Each structure stands twice: as C-alpha cells, then as structure tokens.
Amino acid sequence: MGRKGISKGKIITIIIFAVLLLDQAFKIWIKTHFTLHQSVNVLGNWFQLCFVENEGMAFGMVLGGDFGKLFLSLFRIVLSAGIIWYIRKLLKNPETPMGVLVGLSMVLVGALGNILDSAFYGLIFSESGVTSVATLFPPEGSYGTFLHGKVVDMLYFPLVDTVLPDNFPILGGRRFVFFQFIFNVADSAITCGAAYLLIFQYKFFSKK
C-alpha cells in the first residue's frame, strides 16, 4: 500500500491521467488559439510559447515522410503496450520501488500523449495556417486521416539567443541560439521519466 492507504496502482493511474489531461488540454488550447509559428513571450525571451507542428518525433524531428510517420505511430503503440504490460508485472511485486513505477509511467504517458495527436488530430481539426487558427470538428472537414495527424509543440526555451561578434571563430556574425528545440508536455514527460530511471533507478534494472 502507498501513503494514506492508496495503492501504488492507483497512484500511477492518477499520475498518468493527470499528465495526459494537462498535455492534451494545452495542445488543444494552442491549436485553437495560435496561428502556425505564432509565438508569445512568457518569461522574457528565454521562455516562449511558439506553435509548431511536426510529423511525430520528439523535439520537432522528422522521420521519412508518410511511411516514417506511420511506422513511428505504430512503434509508439507497441512500445506503450509493452510498458503497460511491464508496469502491471512490476505492480505485482511489492518490493518494486515507487520511483521505478513513476519513471516508467512518465515515459508511458508521454508516448500516449503524442499517440493521441498522431491518431486523432488529423480527424478532428482543420489545418493550421500562418494566418488562420484551426477549428475543432470543422464542418468543412478535417485535414488528415487516422494515424497521420500532426503533433503539436509549443514550449520553447532559447536560453541564449544572440548574434556572435564578427571576430568569433567560424560562426562570427551569425545568430546563435542555444537549445532550439520546441517541444510539448508529452516530450517533457518522456525525457524526465527516462532520465530519472537512468540516473536514480539504474541499480534496479542492473539487478534484472
């Protein structure tokens, strides 16, 4: 049993649904309020909301067009099913550390969040444009098909954004941006969950 009599399984379920709800609510709000590539400063220039879409990989990366996108979507589904099976197996062992379950759940919910984008956003949204905001359940029809929707990204942290001096080696006079990736809550969950498992829970997996 977990704290206050709540089982580990219930805690994990709450975490998954809470993060998934946050991820999808944020994406839907961005999709229906921002034009494509629109950005807004949140905390100065170093934290911005910048709306972009990608074909499914984390941090805006792409993989081989329509076939790559379909492969990635199917891979995520298989991976998620495997993680669910593994979490259920670990829950049967009372000695499984809670941290391991939380880390795996974060990876799972991140994958699920982006699966929902790929699977359904093409079916329920109109196309986003640089001058037009997307509509949810548009009467004129949606922009894509099942498993071919675009993943919504919006979190942008250009921690350093400057023009290098002319005498700087090789890149002199060019704009330099440190950490140019734009990502979402689901990507953050995957990254944080995986990093936590690798750094703090590696001993558990090394015993396996």
N, C-alpha and C. Protein backbone atom coordinates (compact mmCIF):
# COMPACT_ATOMS: atom_id res chain seq x y z
N MET A 1 0.84 -1.20 0.00
CA MET A 1 0.00 0.00 0.00
C MET A 1 0.87 1.25 0.00
N GLY A 2 0.41 2.31 -0.67
CA GLY A 2 1.14 3.57 -0.69
C GLY A 2 0.74 4.43 0.49
N ARG A 3 1.11 5.66 0.44
CA ARG A 3 0.79 6.57 1.51
C ARG A 3 -0.71 6.78 1.61
N LYS A 4 -1.19 6.97 2.83
CA LYS A 4 -2.60 7.21 3.12
C LYS A 4 -3.48 6.08 2.60
N GLY A 5 -2.90 4.89 2.49
CA GLY A 5 -3.69 3.74 2.10
C GLY A 5 -3.98 3.64 0.62
N ILE A 6 -3.43 4.53 -0.19
CA ILE A 6 -3.66 4.46 -1.63
C ILE A 6 -2.66 3.50 -2.24
N SER A 7 -3.12 2.57 -3.05
CA SER A 7 -2.24 1.58 -3.64
C SER A 7 -1.33 2.21 -4.69
N LYS A 8 -0.23 1.53 -4.96
CA LYS A 8 0.70 2.01 -5.99
C LYS A 8 0.00 2.11 -7.34
N GLY A 9 -0.86 1.15 -7.62
CA GLY A 9 -1.57 1.15 -8.90
C GLY A 9 -2.44 2.38 -9.07
N LYS A 10 -3.12 2.80 -8.01
CA LYS A 10 -3.97 3.99 -8.09
C LYS A 10 -3.14 5.26 -8.24
N ILE A 11 -2.00 5.32 -7.55
CA ILE A 11 -1.12 6.49 -7.67
C ILE A 11 -0.63 6.62 -9.10
N ILE A 12 -0.19 5.50 -9.69
CA ILE A 12 0.29 5.51 -11.06
C ILE A 12 -0.81 5.92 -12.02
N THR A 13 -2.02 5.42 -11.80
CA THR A 13 -3.15 5.77 -12.66
C THR A 13 -3.45 7.26 -12.59
N ILE A 14 -3.41 7.83 -11.39
CA ILE A 14 -3.66 9.27 -11.21
C ILE A 14 -2.60 10.08 -11.95
N ILE A 15 -1.33 9.68 -11.81
CA ILE A 15 -0.24 10.38 -12.49
C ILE A 15 -0.44 10.37 -14.00
N ILE A 16 -0.75 9.20 -14.54
CA ILE A 16 -0.92 9.06 -15.99
C ILE A 16 -2.05 9.94 -16.49
N PHE A 17 -3.21 9.88 -15.85
CA PHE A 17 -4.36 10.66 -16.31
C PHE A 17 -4.14 12.16 -16.12
N ALA A 18 -3.47 12.54 -15.04
CA ALA A 18 -3.23 13.97 -14.79
C ALA A 18 -2.31 14.57 -15.84
N VAL A 19 -1.19 13.90 -16.12
CA VAL A 19 -0.24 14.40 -17.11
C VAL A 19 -0.84 14.37 -18.50
N LEU A 20 -1.59 13.30 -18.81
CA LEU A 20 -2.21 13.20 -20.13
C LEU A 20 -3.24 14.30 -20.33
N LEU A 21 -4.03 14.60 -19.30
CA LEU A 21 -5.01 15.67 -19.38
C LEU A 21 -4.33 17.02 -19.58
N LEU A 22 -3.25 17.28 -18.83
CA LEU A 22 -2.51 18.52 -18.99
C LEU A 22 -1.94 18.64 -20.40
N ASP A 23 -1.35 17.58 -20.89
CA ASP A 23 -0.75 17.59 -22.23
C ASP A 23 -1.80 17.89 -23.30
N GLN A 24 -2.92 17.19 -23.27
CA GLN A 24 -3.93 17.36 -24.31
C GLN A 24 -4.65 18.70 -24.18
N ALA A 25 -4.93 19.14 -22.97
CA ALA A 25 -5.60 20.43 -22.79
C ALA A 25 -4.73 21.56 -23.33
N PHE A 26 -3.44 21.50 -23.05
CA PHE A 26 -2.51 22.53 -23.51
C PHE A 26 -2.41 22.52 -25.03
N LYS A 27 -2.32 21.33 -25.63
CA LYS A 27 -2.22 21.23 -27.08
C LYS A 27 -3.48 21.74 -27.77
N ILE A 28 -4.64 21.37 -27.27
CA ILE A 28 -5.90 21.80 -27.88
C ILE A 28 -6.05 23.31 -27.77
N TRP A 29 -5.65 23.88 -26.62
CA TRP A 29 -5.74 25.33 -26.46
C TRP A 29 -4.83 26.04 -27.44
N ILE A 30 -3.59 25.57 -27.56
CA ILE A 30 -2.64 26.16 -28.51
C ILE A 30 -3.17 26.03 -29.94
N LYS A 31 -3.64 24.86 -30.28
CA LYS A 31 -4.12 24.59 -31.65
C LYS A 31 -5.28 25.49 -32.03
N THR A 32 -6.16 25.80 -31.07
CA THR A 32 -7.36 26.58 -31.37
C THR A 32 -7.23 28.07 -31.06
N HIS A 33 -6.04 28.50 -30.63
CA HIS A 33 -5.85 29.91 -30.31
C HIS A 33 -4.64 30.54 -31.00
N PHE A 34 -3.71 29.73 -31.52
CA PHE A 34 -2.50 30.25 -32.14
C PHE A 34 -2.50 29.93 -33.63
N THR A 35 -2.00 30.87 -34.43
CA THR A 35 -1.70 30.55 -35.81
C THR A 35 -0.35 29.85 -35.87
N LEU A 36 -0.10 29.14 -36.95
CA LEU A 36 1.14 28.39 -37.08
C LEU A 36 2.35 29.33 -37.02
N HIS A 37 3.32 28.98 -36.19
CA HIS A 37 4.56 29.74 -35.97
C HIS A 37 4.35 31.01 -35.14
N GLN A 38 3.15 31.24 -34.63
CA GLN A 38 2.94 32.37 -33.73
C GLN A 38 3.66 32.11 -32.42
N SER A 39 4.28 33.14 -31.86
CA SER A 39 4.99 32.99 -30.60
C SER A 39 4.63 34.13 -29.65
N VAL A 40 4.67 33.81 -28.36
CA VAL A 40 4.38 34.78 -27.31
C VAL A 40 5.41 34.61 -26.21
N ASN A 41 6.01 35.70 -25.77
CA ASN A 41 6.95 35.64 -24.65
C ASN A 41 6.20 35.41 -23.35
N VAL A 42 6.68 34.46 -22.56
CA VAL A 42 6.08 34.18 -21.25
C VAL A 42 6.95 34.76 -20.15
N LEU A 43 8.22 34.44 -20.16
CA LEU A 43 9.17 34.99 -19.19
C LEU A 43 10.35 35.56 -19.98
N GLY A 44 10.19 36.76 -20.46
CA GLY A 44 11.24 37.34 -21.29
C GLY A 44 11.40 36.56 -22.59
N ASN A 45 12.57 36.68 -23.19
CA ASN A 45 12.82 35.96 -24.44
C ASN A 45 13.20 34.51 -24.23
N TRP A 46 13.59 34.15 -23.00
CA TRP A 46 14.13 32.80 -22.81
C TRP A 46 13.06 31.73 -22.60
N PHE A 47 11.80 32.10 -22.38
CA PHE A 47 10.71 31.13 -22.33
C PHE A 47 9.56 31.68 -23.17
N GLN A 48 9.24 30.97 -24.25
CA GLN A 48 8.20 31.39 -25.16
C GLN A 48 7.24 30.25 -25.46
N LEU A 49 6.02 30.61 -25.80
CA LEU A 49 5.09 29.68 -26.41
C LEU A 49 5.16 29.92 -27.91
N CYS A 50 5.60 28.93 -28.63
CA CYS A 50 5.77 29.05 -30.08
C CYS A 50 5.12 27.83 -30.74
N PHE A 51 4.04 28.04 -31.47
CA PHE A 51 3.25 26.94 -32.01
C PHE A 51 3.86 26.42 -33.31
N VAL A 52 4.28 25.17 -33.28
CA VAL A 52 4.73 24.47 -34.48
C VAL A 52 4.10 23.08 -34.48
N GLU A 53 4.14 22.43 -35.62
CA GLU A 53 3.65 21.06 -35.76
C GLU A 53 4.74 20.23 -36.40
N ASN A 54 4.78 18.95 -36.03
CA ASN A 54 5.73 18.04 -36.64
C ASN A 54 5.07 16.71 -36.93
N GLU A 55 5.81 15.86 -37.62
CA GLU A 55 5.24 14.58 -38.06
C GLU A 55 5.31 13.49 -37.01
N GLY A 56 5.79 13.80 -35.81
CA GLY A 56 5.64 12.82 -34.75
C GLY A 56 6.81 12.55 -33.85
N MET A 57 8.05 12.87 -34.25
CA MET A 57 9.18 12.60 -33.38
C MET A 57 9.31 13.67 -32.32
N ALA A 58 9.98 13.32 -31.23
CA ALA A 58 10.15 14.27 -30.13
C ALA A 58 11.02 15.45 -30.56
N PHE A 59 10.76 16.61 -29.97
CA PHE A 59 11.53 17.82 -30.18
C PHE A 59 11.58 18.26 -31.64
N GLY A 60 10.46 18.00 -32.37
CA GLY A 60 10.32 18.52 -33.72
C GLY A 60 11.08 17.79 -34.80
N MET A 61 11.72 16.67 -34.50
CA MET A 61 12.45 15.93 -35.52
C MET A 61 11.48 15.15 -36.40
N VAL A 62 11.95 14.76 -37.58
CA VAL A 62 11.09 14.06 -38.54
C VAL A 62 11.72 12.73 -38.91
N LEU A 63 10.89 11.85 -39.49
CA LEU A 63 11.35 10.51 -39.87
C LEU A 63 10.65 10.06 -41.14
N GLY A 64 11.28 10.24 -42.27
CA GLY A 64 10.90 9.58 -43.51
C GLY A 64 9.50 9.74 -44.04
N GLY A 65 8.90 10.91 -44.01
CA GLY A 65 7.63 11.16 -44.67
C GLY A 65 6.47 10.36 -44.09
N ASP A 66 5.47 10.05 -44.97
CA ASP A 66 4.26 9.37 -44.52
C ASP A 66 4.56 7.98 -43.97
N PHE A 67 5.45 7.24 -44.64
CA PHE A 67 5.78 5.90 -44.15
C PHE A 67 6.47 5.98 -42.79
N GLY A 68 7.39 6.91 -42.66
CA GLY A 68 8.09 7.07 -41.39
C GLY A 68 7.14 7.45 -40.27
N LYS A 69 6.18 8.32 -40.59
CA LYS A 69 5.21 8.74 -39.58
C LYS A 69 4.34 7.56 -39.14
N LEU A 70 3.88 6.75 -40.12
CA LEU A 70 3.05 5.59 -39.79
C LEU A 70 3.85 4.60 -38.96
N PHE A 71 5.11 4.37 -39.35
CA PHE A 71 5.97 3.46 -38.60
C PHE A 71 6.15 3.95 -37.17
N LEU A 72 6.39 5.25 -37.02
CA LEU A 72 6.61 5.83 -35.70
C LEU A 72 5.36 5.71 -34.83
N SER A 73 4.18 5.94 -35.43
CA SER A 73 2.93 5.82 -34.68
C SER A 73 2.72 4.39 -34.21
N LEU A 74 2.95 3.43 -35.10
CA LEU A 74 2.77 2.02 -34.73
C LEU A 74 3.80 1.59 -33.69
N PHE A 75 5.03 2.12 -33.83
CA PHE A 75 6.07 1.80 -32.85
C PHE A 75 5.68 2.31 -31.47
N ARG A 76 5.14 3.54 -31.41
CA ARG A 76 4.71 4.10 -30.14
C ARG A 76 3.61 3.24 -29.51
N ILE A 77 2.68 2.77 -30.33
CA ILE A 77 1.58 1.96 -29.81
C ILE A 77 2.12 0.65 -29.23
N VAL A 78 3.02 0.00 -29.96
CA VAL A 78 3.61 -1.25 -29.47
C VAL A 78 4.42 -1.00 -28.21
N LEU A 79 5.21 0.09 -28.22
CA LEU A 79 6.01 0.43 -27.04
C LEU A 79 5.12 0.69 -25.83
N SER A 80 4.04 1.42 -26.03
CA SER A 80 3.13 1.73 -24.92
C SER A 80 2.50 0.46 -24.36
N ALA A 81 2.10 -0.45 -25.26
CA ALA A 81 1.53 -1.72 -24.80
C ALA A 81 2.55 -2.50 -23.99
N GLY A 82 3.81 -2.49 -24.43
CA GLY A 82 4.85 -3.19 -23.69
C GLY A 82 5.10 -2.58 -22.32
N ILE A 83 5.09 -1.25 -22.24
CA ILE A 83 5.31 -0.59 -20.95
C ILE A 83 4.14 -0.87 -20.00
N ILE A 84 2.93 -0.84 -20.53
CA ILE A 84 1.75 -1.15 -19.70
C ILE A 84 1.88 -2.56 -19.12
N TRP A 85 2.26 -3.51 -19.98
CA TRP A 85 2.43 -4.89 -19.51
C TRP A 85 3.50 -4.96 -18.43
N TYR A 86 4.60 -4.24 -18.64
CA TYR A 86 5.71 -4.30 -17.68
C TYR A 86 5.33 -3.64 -16.36
N ILE A 87 4.62 -2.52 -16.42
CA ILE A 87 4.17 -1.86 -15.19
C ILE A 87 3.23 -2.77 -14.40
N ARG A 88 2.31 -3.41 -15.10
CA ARG A 88 1.38 -4.34 -14.42
C ARG A 88 2.14 -5.49 -13.76
N LYS A 89 3.19 -5.97 -14.43
CA LYS A 89 4.01 -7.03 -13.87
C LYS A 89 4.74 -6.55 -12.61
N LEU A 90 5.31 -5.34 -12.67
CA LEU A 90 6.03 -4.80 -11.52
C LEU A 90 5.11 -4.52 -10.35
N LEU A 91 3.87 -4.14 -10.64
CA LEU A 91 2.92 -3.85 -9.56
C LEU A 91 2.60 -5.10 -8.73
N LYS A 92 2.79 -6.26 -9.31
CA LYS A 92 2.52 -7.50 -8.58
C LYS A 92 3.62 -7.81 -7.57
N ASN A 93 4.76 -7.13 -7.72
CA ASN A 93 5.88 -7.33 -6.79
C ASN A 93 5.89 -6.19 -5.78
N PRO A 94 5.58 -6.44 -4.52
CA PRO A 94 5.52 -5.36 -3.51
C PRO A 94 6.86 -4.69 -3.27
N GLU A 95 7.98 -5.32 -3.70
CA GLU A 95 9.30 -4.74 -3.48
C GLU A 95 9.71 -3.77 -4.59
N THR A 96 8.89 -3.62 -5.63
CA THR A 96 9.23 -2.70 -6.71
C THR A 96 9.24 -1.27 -6.18
N PRO A 97 10.33 -0.52 -6.34
CA PRO A 97 10.38 0.87 -5.86
C PRO A 97 9.34 1.74 -6.55
N MET A 98 8.75 2.64 -5.80
CA MET A 98 7.76 3.55 -6.37
C MET A 98 8.39 4.42 -7.46
N GLY A 99 9.66 4.77 -7.28
CA GLY A 99 10.33 5.60 -8.27
C GLY A 99 10.40 4.95 -9.63
N VAL A 100 10.60 3.65 -9.67
CA VAL A 100 10.64 2.92 -10.94
C VAL A 100 9.29 3.00 -11.63
N LEU A 101 8.23 2.81 -10.87
CA LEU A 101 6.88 2.85 -11.44
C LEU A 101 6.55 4.25 -11.95
N VAL A 102 6.94 5.28 -11.21
CA VAL A 102 6.68 6.65 -11.63
C VAL A 102 7.45 6.97 -12.90
N GLY A 103 8.73 6.59 -12.94
CA GLY A 103 9.55 6.85 -14.12
C GLY A 103 8.98 6.19 -15.37
N LEU A 104 8.61 4.92 -15.25
CA LEU A 104 8.02 4.21 -16.38
C LEU A 104 6.69 4.83 -16.79
N SER A 105 5.92 5.27 -15.81
CA SER A 105 4.62 5.89 -16.11
C SER A 105 4.79 7.20 -16.86
N MET A 106 5.83 7.97 -16.54
CA MET A 106 6.08 9.22 -17.25
C MET A 106 6.45 8.95 -18.71
N VAL A 107 7.26 7.93 -18.94
CA VAL A 107 7.59 7.56 -20.32
C VAL A 107 6.32 7.11 -21.05
N LEU A 108 5.51 6.32 -20.37
CA LEU A 108 4.27 5.83 -20.97
C LEU A 108 3.32 6.96 -21.32
N VAL A 109 3.08 7.87 -20.40
CA VAL A 109 2.11 8.94 -20.65
C VAL A 109 2.62 9.88 -21.74
N GLY A 110 3.95 10.06 -21.82
CA GLY A 110 4.49 10.87 -22.90
C GLY A 110 4.23 10.24 -24.26
N ALA A 111 4.44 8.95 -24.35
CA ALA A 111 4.16 8.25 -25.61
C ALA A 111 2.67 8.31 -25.95
N LEU A 112 1.81 8.12 -24.94
CA LEU A 112 0.37 8.16 -25.18
C LEU A 112 -0.08 9.54 -25.64
N GLY A 113 0.50 10.59 -25.06
CA GLY A 113 0.12 11.94 -25.44
C GLY A 113 0.37 12.22 -26.90
N ASN A 114 1.53 11.81 -27.41
CA ASN A 114 1.84 12.04 -28.81
C ASN A 114 1.11 11.05 -29.73
N ILE A 115 0.78 9.88 -29.22
CA ILE A 115 -0.04 8.94 -29.99
C ILE A 115 -1.41 9.55 -30.29
N LEU A 116 -2.00 10.20 -29.29
CA LEU A 116 -3.31 10.82 -29.49
C LEU A 116 -3.26 11.88 -30.58
N ASP A 117 -2.19 12.68 -30.60
CA ASP A 117 -2.04 13.68 -31.66
C ASP A 117 -2.02 13.00 -33.03
N SER A 118 -1.13 12.02 -33.17
CA SER A 118 -0.96 11.35 -34.45
C SER A 118 -2.22 10.61 -34.89
N ALA A 119 -2.89 9.99 -33.93
CA ALA A 119 -4.04 9.17 -34.27
C ALA A 119 -5.29 9.98 -34.59
N PHE A 120 -5.54 11.07 -33.85
CA PHE A 120 -6.85 11.71 -33.93
C PHE A 120 -6.86 13.17 -34.37
N TYR A 121 -5.74 13.88 -34.25
CA TYR A 121 -5.79 15.32 -34.56
C TYR A 121 -6.12 15.58 -36.02
N GLY A 122 -5.66 14.70 -36.90
CA GLY A 122 -6.00 14.85 -38.31
C GLY A 122 -7.47 14.65 -38.59
N LEU A 123 -8.16 13.96 -37.68
CA LEU A 123 -9.59 13.67 -37.85
C LEU A 123 -10.50 14.72 -37.23
N ILE A 124 -9.98 15.50 -36.26
CA ILE A 124 -10.87 16.40 -35.52
C ILE A 124 -10.55 17.88 -35.71
N PHE A 125 -9.41 18.20 -36.35
CA PHE A 125 -9.04 19.61 -36.54
C PHE A 125 -8.97 19.97 -38.01
N SER A 126 -9.20 21.25 -38.28
CA SER A 126 -8.88 21.79 -39.60
C SER A 126 -7.40 22.14 -39.63
N GLU A 127 -6.88 22.44 -40.80
CA GLU A 127 -5.46 22.74 -40.95
C GLU A 127 -5.11 24.07 -40.29
N SER A 128 -4.00 24.08 -39.56
CA SER A 128 -3.48 25.34 -39.01
C SER A 128 -2.66 26.05 -40.08
N GLY A 129 -2.77 27.37 -40.13
CA GLY A 129 -2.02 28.15 -41.10
C GLY A 129 -1.34 29.33 -40.45
N VAL A 130 -0.49 30.01 -41.19
CA VAL A 130 0.22 31.16 -40.64
C VAL A 130 -0.71 32.36 -40.46
N THR A 131 -1.89 32.30 -41.07
CA THR A 131 -2.86 33.40 -40.92
C THR A 131 -4.20 32.91 -40.39
N SER A 132 -4.33 31.61 -40.15
CA SER A 132 -5.62 31.07 -39.72
C SER A 132 -5.45 30.12 -38.54
N VAL A 133 -6.39 30.19 -37.61
CA VAL A 133 -6.39 29.31 -36.44
C VAL A 133 -7.24 28.09 -36.74
N ALA A 134 -6.80 26.93 -36.29
CA ALA A 134 -7.53 25.69 -36.55
C ALA A 134 -8.86 25.66 -35.80
N THR A 135 -9.79 24.90 -36.35
CA THR A 135 -11.12 24.73 -35.76
C THR A 135 -11.29 23.29 -35.32
N LEU A 136 -11.86 23.09 -34.15
CA LEU A 136 -12.15 21.75 -33.66
C LEU A 136 -13.46 21.27 -34.26
N PHE A 137 -13.46 20.07 -34.83
CA PHE A 137 -14.61 19.49 -35.52
C PHE A 137 -15.15 20.44 -36.60
N PRO A 138 -14.33 20.80 -37.58
CA PRO A 138 -14.75 21.75 -38.60
C PRO A 138 -15.84 21.18 -39.50
N PRO A 139 -16.87 21.96 -39.84
CA PRO A 139 -17.94 21.46 -40.71
C PRO A 139 -17.45 21.16 -42.12
N GLU A 140 -16.38 21.83 -42.54
CA GLU A 140 -15.88 21.62 -43.90
C GLU A 140 -14.98 20.40 -44.01
N GLY A 141 -14.67 19.76 -42.88
CA GLY A 141 -13.83 18.56 -42.91
C GLY A 141 -12.48 18.78 -42.27
N SER A 142 -11.87 17.71 -41.84
CA SER A 142 -10.58 17.77 -41.15
C SER A 142 -9.43 17.70 -42.15
N TYR A 143 -8.20 17.81 -41.64
CA TYR A 143 -7.05 17.92 -42.54
C TYR A 143 -6.32 16.61 -42.80
N GLY A 144 -6.61 15.53 -42.05
CA GLY A 144 -5.84 14.31 -42.21
C GLY A 144 -6.65 13.06 -41.97
N THR A 145 -5.94 11.94 -41.85
CA THR A 145 -6.56 10.64 -41.65
C THR A 145 -6.02 10.02 -40.36
N PHE A 146 -6.56 8.88 -40.00
CA PHE A 146 -6.17 8.18 -38.78
C PHE A 146 -4.68 7.84 -38.83
N LEU A 147 -3.99 8.14 -37.73
CA LEU A 147 -2.56 7.91 -37.54
C LEU A 147 -1.69 8.82 -38.40
N HIS A 148 -2.27 9.83 -39.03
CA HIS A 148 -1.49 10.76 -39.83
C HIS A 148 -1.69 12.21 -39.37
N GLY A 149 -2.12 12.40 -38.15
CA GLY A 149 -2.22 13.74 -37.61
C GLY A 149 -0.85 14.28 -37.23
N LYS A 150 -0.76 15.59 -37.08
CA LYS A 150 0.49 16.24 -36.72
C LYS A 150 0.55 16.50 -35.22
N VAL A 151 1.74 16.32 -34.65
CA VAL A 151 1.95 16.53 -33.22
C VAL A 151 2.14 18.01 -32.95
N VAL A 152 1.46 18.52 -31.94
CA VAL A 152 1.52 19.94 -31.58
C VAL A 152 2.64 20.18 -30.57
N ASP A 153 3.51 21.12 -30.88
CA ASP A 153 4.58 21.54 -29.97
C ASP A 153 4.45 23.02 -29.69
N MET A 154 4.91 23.44 -28.50
CA MET A 154 4.76 24.86 -28.15
C MET A 154 5.76 25.39 -27.13
N LEU A 155 6.46 24.56 -26.41
CA LEU A 155 7.38 25.01 -25.36
C LEU A 155 8.76 25.29 -25.97
N TYR A 156 9.21 26.52 -25.82
CA TYR A 156 10.45 26.95 -26.45
C TYR A 156 11.29 27.71 -25.44
N PHE A 157 12.52 27.22 -25.22
CA PHE A 157 13.42 27.83 -24.24
C PHE A 157 14.74 28.20 -24.91
N PRO A 158 14.78 29.28 -25.68
CA PRO A 158 16.05 29.73 -26.28
C PRO A 158 16.91 30.43 -25.22
N LEU A 159 17.59 29.64 -24.41
CA LEU A 159 18.29 30.18 -23.25
C LEU A 159 19.34 31.21 -23.64
N VAL A 160 19.94 31.02 -24.81
CA VAL A 160 20.89 32.01 -25.35
C VAL A 160 20.49 32.29 -26.79
N ASP A 161 20.21 33.53 -27.09
CA ASP A 161 19.84 33.94 -28.44
C ASP A 161 20.56 35.25 -28.75
N THR A 162 21.65 35.14 -29.49
CA THR A 162 22.49 36.32 -29.70
C THR A 162 23.18 36.23 -31.05
N VAL A 163 23.67 37.36 -31.52
CA VAL A 163 24.49 37.42 -32.72
C VAL A 163 25.95 37.45 -32.28
N LEU A 164 26.71 36.49 -32.75
CA LEU A 164 28.11 36.38 -32.34
C LEU A 164 28.94 37.50 -32.97
N PRO A 165 29.94 37.97 -32.27
CA PRO A 165 30.79 39.04 -32.82
C PRO A 165 31.49 38.60 -34.10
N ASP A 166 31.82 39.56 -34.92
CA ASP A 166 32.42 39.26 -36.23
C ASP A 166 33.74 38.51 -36.11
N ASN A 167 34.47 38.73 -35.02
CA ASN A 167 35.77 38.07 -34.87
C ASN A 167 35.65 36.69 -34.21
N PHE A 168 34.44 36.22 -33.98
CA PHE A 168 34.25 34.90 -33.38
C PHE A 168 34.65 33.83 -34.41
N PRO A 169 35.39 32.77 -33.99
CA PRO A 169 35.84 31.75 -34.95
C PRO A 169 34.68 31.07 -35.68
N ILE A 170 34.80 30.97 -36.98
CA ILE A 170 33.91 30.25 -37.89
C ILE A 170 32.51 30.85 -37.94
N LEU A 171 31.85 31.04 -36.78
CA LEU A 171 30.45 31.49 -36.74
C LEU A 171 30.32 32.99 -36.54
N GLY A 172 31.38 33.73 -36.69
CA GLY A 172 31.34 35.16 -36.46
C GLY A 172 30.30 35.88 -37.30
N GLY A 173 29.52 36.73 -36.64
CA GLY A 173 28.48 37.50 -37.32
C GLY A 173 27.17 36.76 -37.50
N ARG A 174 27.11 35.49 -37.10
CA ARG A 174 25.89 34.70 -37.27
C ARG A 174 25.08 34.65 -35.97
N ARG A 175 23.79 34.40 -36.14
CA ARG A 175 22.93 34.26 -34.96
C ARG A 175 23.15 32.91 -34.31
N PHE A 176 23.27 32.90 -33.00
CA PHE A 176 23.47 31.66 -32.25
C PHE A 176 22.34 31.50 -31.24
N VAL A 177 21.66 30.37 -31.31
CA VAL A 177 20.57 30.05 -30.38
C VAL A 177 20.91 28.74 -29.69
N PHE A 178 21.02 28.78 -28.36
CA PHE A 178 21.27 27.57 -27.60
C PHE A 178 19.94 26.89 -27.26
N PHE A 179 19.83 25.62 -27.57
CA PHE A 179 18.62 24.81 -27.38
C PHE A 179 17.46 25.36 -28.22
N GLN A 180 17.47 25.01 -29.50
CA GLN A 180 16.48 25.50 -30.44
C GLN A 180 15.24 24.61 -30.51
N PHE A 181 15.23 23.51 -29.77
CA PHE A 181 14.12 22.58 -29.86
C PHE A 181 12.83 23.18 -29.30
N ILE A 182 11.73 22.88 -29.97
CA ILE A 182 10.40 23.23 -29.48
C ILE A 182 9.68 21.92 -29.19
N PHE A 183 9.11 21.79 -28.01
CA PHE A 183 8.57 20.51 -27.57
C PHE A 183 7.26 20.71 -26.85
N ASN A 184 6.72 19.63 -26.28
CA ASN A 184 5.43 19.69 -25.58
C ASN A 184 5.53 18.97 -24.24
N VAL A 185 4.41 18.93 -23.53
CA VAL A 185 4.39 18.30 -22.21
C VAL A 185 4.71 16.81 -22.30
N ALA A 186 4.21 16.15 -23.35
CA ALA A 186 4.47 14.72 -23.53
C ALA A 186 5.96 14.45 -23.72
N ASP A 187 6.62 15.26 -24.55
CA ASP A 187 8.08 15.11 -24.74
C ASP A 187 8.81 15.29 -23.41
N SER A 188 8.36 16.27 -22.62
CA SER A 188 8.99 16.53 -21.33
C SER A 188 8.84 15.33 -20.40
N ALA A 189 7.65 14.71 -20.42
CA ALA A 189 7.41 13.55 -19.56
C ALA A 189 8.32 12.40 -19.94
N ILE A 190 8.47 12.14 -21.24
CA ILE A 190 9.36 11.07 -21.69
C ILE A 190 10.79 11.34 -21.25
N THR A 191 11.28 12.55 -21.50
CA THR A 191 12.65 12.90 -21.18
C THR A 191 12.92 12.82 -19.68
N CYS A 192 12.02 13.41 -18.88
CA CYS A 192 12.21 13.40 -17.42
C CYS A 192 12.11 11.98 -16.86
N GLY A 193 11.14 11.21 -17.35
CA GLY A 193 10.99 9.84 -16.87
C GLY A 193 12.18 8.98 -17.20
N ALA A 194 12.67 9.07 -18.44
CA ALA A 194 13.82 8.26 -18.85
C ALA A 194 15.08 8.69 -18.11
N ALA A 195 15.28 10.00 -17.97
CA ALA A 195 16.47 10.49 -17.26
C ALA A 195 16.45 10.06 -15.80
N TYR A 196 15.29 10.13 -15.17
CA TYR A 196 15.18 9.71 -13.77
C TYR A 196 15.52 8.23 -13.60
N LEU A 197 15.00 7.40 -14.51
CA LEU A 197 15.28 5.97 -14.43
C LEU A 197 16.77 5.69 -14.62
N LEU A 198 17.38 6.37 -15.58
CA LEU A 198 18.80 6.13 -15.87
C LEU A 198 19.70 6.61 -14.73
N ILE A 199 19.35 7.73 -14.12
CA ILE A 199 20.22 8.33 -13.11
C ILE A 199 20.00 7.74 -11.72
N PHE A 200 18.72 7.56 -11.35
CA PHE A 200 18.41 7.20 -9.96
C PHE A 200 17.94 5.76 -9.77
N GLN A 201 17.52 5.09 -10.85
CA GLN A 201 16.97 3.75 -10.69
C GLN A 201 17.73 2.69 -11.49
N TYR A 202 18.93 3.04 -11.93
CA TYR A 202 19.69 2.07 -12.77
C TYR A 202 20.01 0.79 -12.01
N LYS A 203 20.19 0.89 -10.68
CA LYS A 203 20.51 -0.29 -9.90
C LYS A 203 19.39 -1.32 -9.96
N PHE A 204 18.15 -0.84 -10.00
CA PHE A 204 17.02 -1.78 -10.07
C PHE A 204 17.07 -2.58 -11.36
N PHE A 205 17.38 -1.93 -12.48
CA PHE A 205 17.39 -2.61 -13.76
C PHE A 205 18.66 -3.44 -13.92
N SER A 206 19.77 -3.01 -13.30
CA SER A 206 21.01 -3.79 -13.40
C SER A 206 20.86 -5.12 -12.69
N LYS A 207 20.02 -5.15 -11.65
CA LYS A 207 19.78 -6.43 -10.95
C LYS A 207 19.04 -7.40 -11.84
N LYS A 208 18.22 -6.85 -12.78
CA LYS A 208 17.48 -7.72 -13.68
C LYS A 208 18.40 -8.39 -14.71
